[in-house]
Amino acid sequence: MLLIAGAVALVLAAVVPGRDTAHLPARAVKRRIYWSGSAIGAALLFAGGLPDLQSAVAFLAAAAILMTGWAYFRTPYLKIGGRIRSAQPAHRIPDPPAPGR
């Protein structure tokens, strides 16, 4: 059951849209949703693999590789050191300012 919940969390992290807030643009909100959902999904997959530690670590590694790879190749959600890392040049542009600014 935890494996299914983990998989659902990973899918929801990828499909739930972000929206503009008073302090953050939609892209920054979506980035936070994506990585929060990814962390929750990876934790659930790890817990679902227990008590077999090898399976639990394999599920965790698979989720980390999948979500990081998806973020790098398909989205502007991989931001390290204030810079957006992406395989696509269009995704590397800085976040737009928040709507109220």
C-alpha atoms as a PDB file:
ATOM      1  CA  MET A   1       0.000   0.000   0.000  1.00  0.00           C
ATOM      2  CA  LEU A   2       2.879   2.392   0.754  1.00  0.00           C
ATOM      3  CA  LEU A   3       4.367   1.689  -2.666  1.00  0.00           C
ATOM      4  CA  ILE A   4       1.139   2.769  -4.351  1.00  0.00           C
ATOM      5  CA  ALA A   5       0.922   5.870  -2.163  1.00  0.00           C
ATOM      6  CA  GLY A   6       4.524   6.735  -3.033  1.00  0.00           C
ATOM      7  CA  ALA A   7       3.894   6.342  -6.748  1.00  0.00           C
ATOM      8  CA  VAL A   8       0.765   8.507  -6.491  1.00  0.00           C
ATOM      9  CA  ALA A   9       2.745  11.194  -4.629  1.00  0.00           C
ATOM     10  CA  LEU A  10       5.377  11.245  -7.397  1.00  0.00           C
ATOM     11  CA  VAL A  11       2.728  11.559 -10.096  1.00  0.00           C
ATOM     12  CA  LEU A  12       0.892  14.305  -8.217  1.00  0.00           C
ATOM     13  CA  ALA A  13       4.162  16.180  -7.725  1.00  0.00           C
ATOM     14  CA  ALA A  14       4.564  16.273 -11.482  1.00  0.00           C
ATOM     15  CA  VAL A  15       0.990  17.204 -12.455  1.00  0.00           C
ATOM     16  CA  VAL A  16      -0.339  19.559  -9.743  1.00  0.00           C
ATOM     17  CA  PRO A  17      -0.126  23.076 -11.169  1.00  0.00           C
ATOM     18  CA  GLY A  18       1.392  26.042  -9.400  1.00  0.00           C
ATOM     19  CA  ARG A  19      -0.235  29.453  -9.175  1.00  0.00           C
ATOM     20  CA  ASP A  20       0.894  32.993  -8.582  1.00  0.00           C
ATOM     21  CA  THR A  21       0.944  34.182  -4.985  1.00  0.00           C
ATOM     22  CA  ALA A  22       1.635  37.605  -3.535  1.00  0.00           C
ATOM     23  CA  HIS A  23       5.298  36.719  -2.960  1.00  0.00           C
ATOM     24  CA  LEU A  24       6.151  34.050  -5.548  1.00  0.00           C
ATOM     25  CA  PRO A  25       5.494  33.491  -9.254  1.00  0.00           C
ATOM     26  CA  ALA A  26       3.692  30.330 -10.346  1.00  0.00           C
ATOM     27  CA  ARG A  27       6.924  28.680 -11.494  1.00  0.00           C
ATOM     28  CA  ALA A  28       8.533  29.029  -8.060  1.00  0.00           C
ATOM     29  CA  VAL A  29       5.399  27.678  -6.355  1.00  0.00           C
ATOM     30  CA  LYS A  30       5.295  24.730  -8.764  1.00  0.00           C
ATOM     31  CA  ARG A  31       8.994  24.051  -8.104  1.00  0.00           C
ATOM     32  CA  ARG A  32       8.248  23.774  -4.381  1.00  0.00           C
ATOM     33  CA  ILE A  33       5.259  21.502  -5.012  1.00  0.00           C
ATOM     34  CA  TYR A  34       7.368  19.308  -7.294  1.00  0.00           C
ATOM     35  CA  TRP A  35      10.237  18.814  -4.853  1.00  0.00           C
ATOM     36  CA  SER A  36       7.995  18.448  -1.784  1.00  0.00           C
ATOM     37  CA  GLY A  37       5.913  15.802  -3.541  1.00  0.00           C
ATOM     38  CA  SER A  38       9.068  14.090  -4.745  1.00  0.00           C
ATOM     39  CA  ALA A  39      10.473  13.921  -1.202  1.00  0.00           C
ATOM     40  CA  ILE A  40       7.202  12.593   0.211  1.00  0.00           C
ATOM     41  CA  GLY A  41       6.904  10.028  -2.598  1.00  0.00           C
ATOM     42  CA  ALA A  42      10.497   8.869  -2.143  1.00  0.00           C
ATOM     43  CA  ALA A  43       9.988   8.502   1.620  1.00  0.00           C
ATOM     44  CA  LEU A  44       6.819   6.466   1.073  1.00  0.00           C
ATOM     45  CA  LEU A  45       8.565   4.237  -1.462  1.00  0.00           C
ATOM     46  CA  PHE A  46      11.442   3.720   0.977  1.00  0.00           C
ATOM     47  CA  ALA A  47       9.000   2.784   3.755  1.00  0.00           C
ATOM     48  CA  GLY A  48       7.135   0.468   1.377  1.00  0.00           C
ATOM     49  CA  GLY A  49      10.349  -1.419   0.633  1.00  0.00           C
ATOM     50  CA  LEU A  50      11.053  -2.169   4.282  1.00  0.00           C
ATOM     51  CA  PRO A  51      11.926  -4.519   6.027  1.00  0.00           C
ATOM     52  CA  ASP A  52      14.107  -5.474   3.045  1.00  0.00           C
ATOM     53  CA  LEU A  53      16.705  -2.691   3.176  1.00  0.00           C
ATOM     54  CA  GLN A  54      18.075  -3.456  -0.285  1.00  0.00           C
ATOM     55  CA  SER A  55      14.636  -3.016  -1.872  1.00  0.00           C
ATOM     56  CA  ALA A  56      13.959   0.128   0.147  1.00  0.00           C
ATOM     57  CA  VAL A  57      17.205   1.750  -0.996  1.00  0.00           C
ATOM     58  CA  ALA A  58      16.537   0.677  -4.596  1.00  0.00           C
ATOM     59  CA  PHE A  59      13.081   2.319  -4.517  1.00  0.00           C
ATOM     60  CA  LEU A  60      14.576   5.470  -3.013  1.00  0.00           C
ATOM     61  CA  ALA A  61      17.355   5.622  -5.626  1.00  0.00           C
ATOM     62  CA  ALA A  62      14.913   4.992  -8.477  1.00  0.00           C
ATOM     63  CA  ALA A  63      12.635   7.805  -7.298  1.00  0.00           C
ATOM     64  CA  ALA A  64      15.564  10.213  -6.880  1.00  0.00           C
ATOM     65  CA  ILE A  65      16.963   9.422 -10.335  1.00  0.00           C
ATOM     66  CA  LEU A  66      13.541   9.607 -11.992  1.00  0.00           C
ATOM     67  CA  MET A  67      12.479  12.907 -10.448  1.00  0.00           C
ATOM     68  CA  THR A  68      15.875  14.602 -10.818  1.00  0.00           C
ATOM     69  CA  GLY A  69      16.181  13.433 -14.423  1.00  0.00           C
ATOM     70  CA  TRP A  70      12.664  14.615 -15.223  1.00  0.00           C
ATOM     71  CA  ALA A  71      13.375  17.984 -13.601  1.00  0.00           C
ATOM     72  CA  TYR A  72      16.603  18.431 -15.591  1.00  0.00           C
ATOM     73  CA  PHE A  73      15.385  17.298 -18.997  1.00  0.00           C
ATOM     74  CA  ARG A  74      11.762  18.507 -18.971  1.00  0.00           C
ATOM     75  CA  THR A  75      11.261  21.369 -16.488  1.00  0.00           C
ATOM     76  CA  PRO A  76      12.768  24.521 -14.976  1.00  0.00           C
ATOM     77  CA  TYR A  77      12.466  23.013 -11.477  1.00  0.00           C
ATOM     78  CA  LEU A  78      16.103  22.139 -10.835  1.00  0.00           C
ATOM     79  CA  LYS A  79      17.512  25.271  -9.204  1.00  0.00           C
ATOM     80  CA  ILE A  80      20.941  25.033  -7.600  1.00  0.00           C
ATOM     81  CA  GLY A  81      22.784  28.009  -6.173  1.00  0.00           C
ATOM     82  CA  GLY A  82      20.190  30.437  -7.500  1.00  0.00           C
ATOM     83  CA  ARG A  83      20.646  29.211 -11.089  1.00  0.00           C
ATOM     84  CA  ILE A  84      18.161  27.087 -12.980  1.00  0.00           C
ATOM     85  CA  ARG A  85      19.780  23.960 -14.419  1.00  0.00           C
ATOM     86  CA  SER A  86      18.026  22.480 -17.424  1.00  0.00           C
ATOM     87  CA  ALA A  87      18.847  20.686 -20.646  1.00  0.00           C
ATOM     88  CA  GLN A  88      16.564  23.080 -22.528  1.00  0.00           C
ATOM     89  CA  PRO A  89      17.777  26.676 -22.947  1.00  0.00           C
ATOM     90  CA  ALA A  90      14.216  28.031 -22.757  1.00  0.00           C
ATOM     91  CA  HIS A  91      13.924  26.714 -19.198  1.00  0.00           C
ATOM     92  CA  ARG A  92      17.141  28.385 -18.023  1.00  0.00           C
ATOM     93  CA  ILE A  93      15.764  31.916 -17.955  1.00  0.00           C
ATOM     94  CA  PRO A  94      15.326  33.370 -14.431  1.00  0.00           C
ATOM     95  CA  ASP A  95      11.959  33.217 -12.712  1.00  0.00           C
ATOM     96  CA  PRO A  96       9.651  36.104 -13.558  1.00  0.00           C
ATOM     97  CA  PRO A  97       8.916  38.551 -10.739  1.00  0.00           C
ATOM     98  CA  ALA A  98       5.964  37.908  -8.436  1.00  0.00           C
ATOM     99  CA  PRO A  99       2.698  39.458  -9.666  1.00  0.00           C
ATOM    100  CA  GLY A 100       2.557  42.043  -6.894  1.00  0.00           C
ATOM    101  CA  ARG A 101       6.105  43.328  -7.430  1.00  0.00           C
END
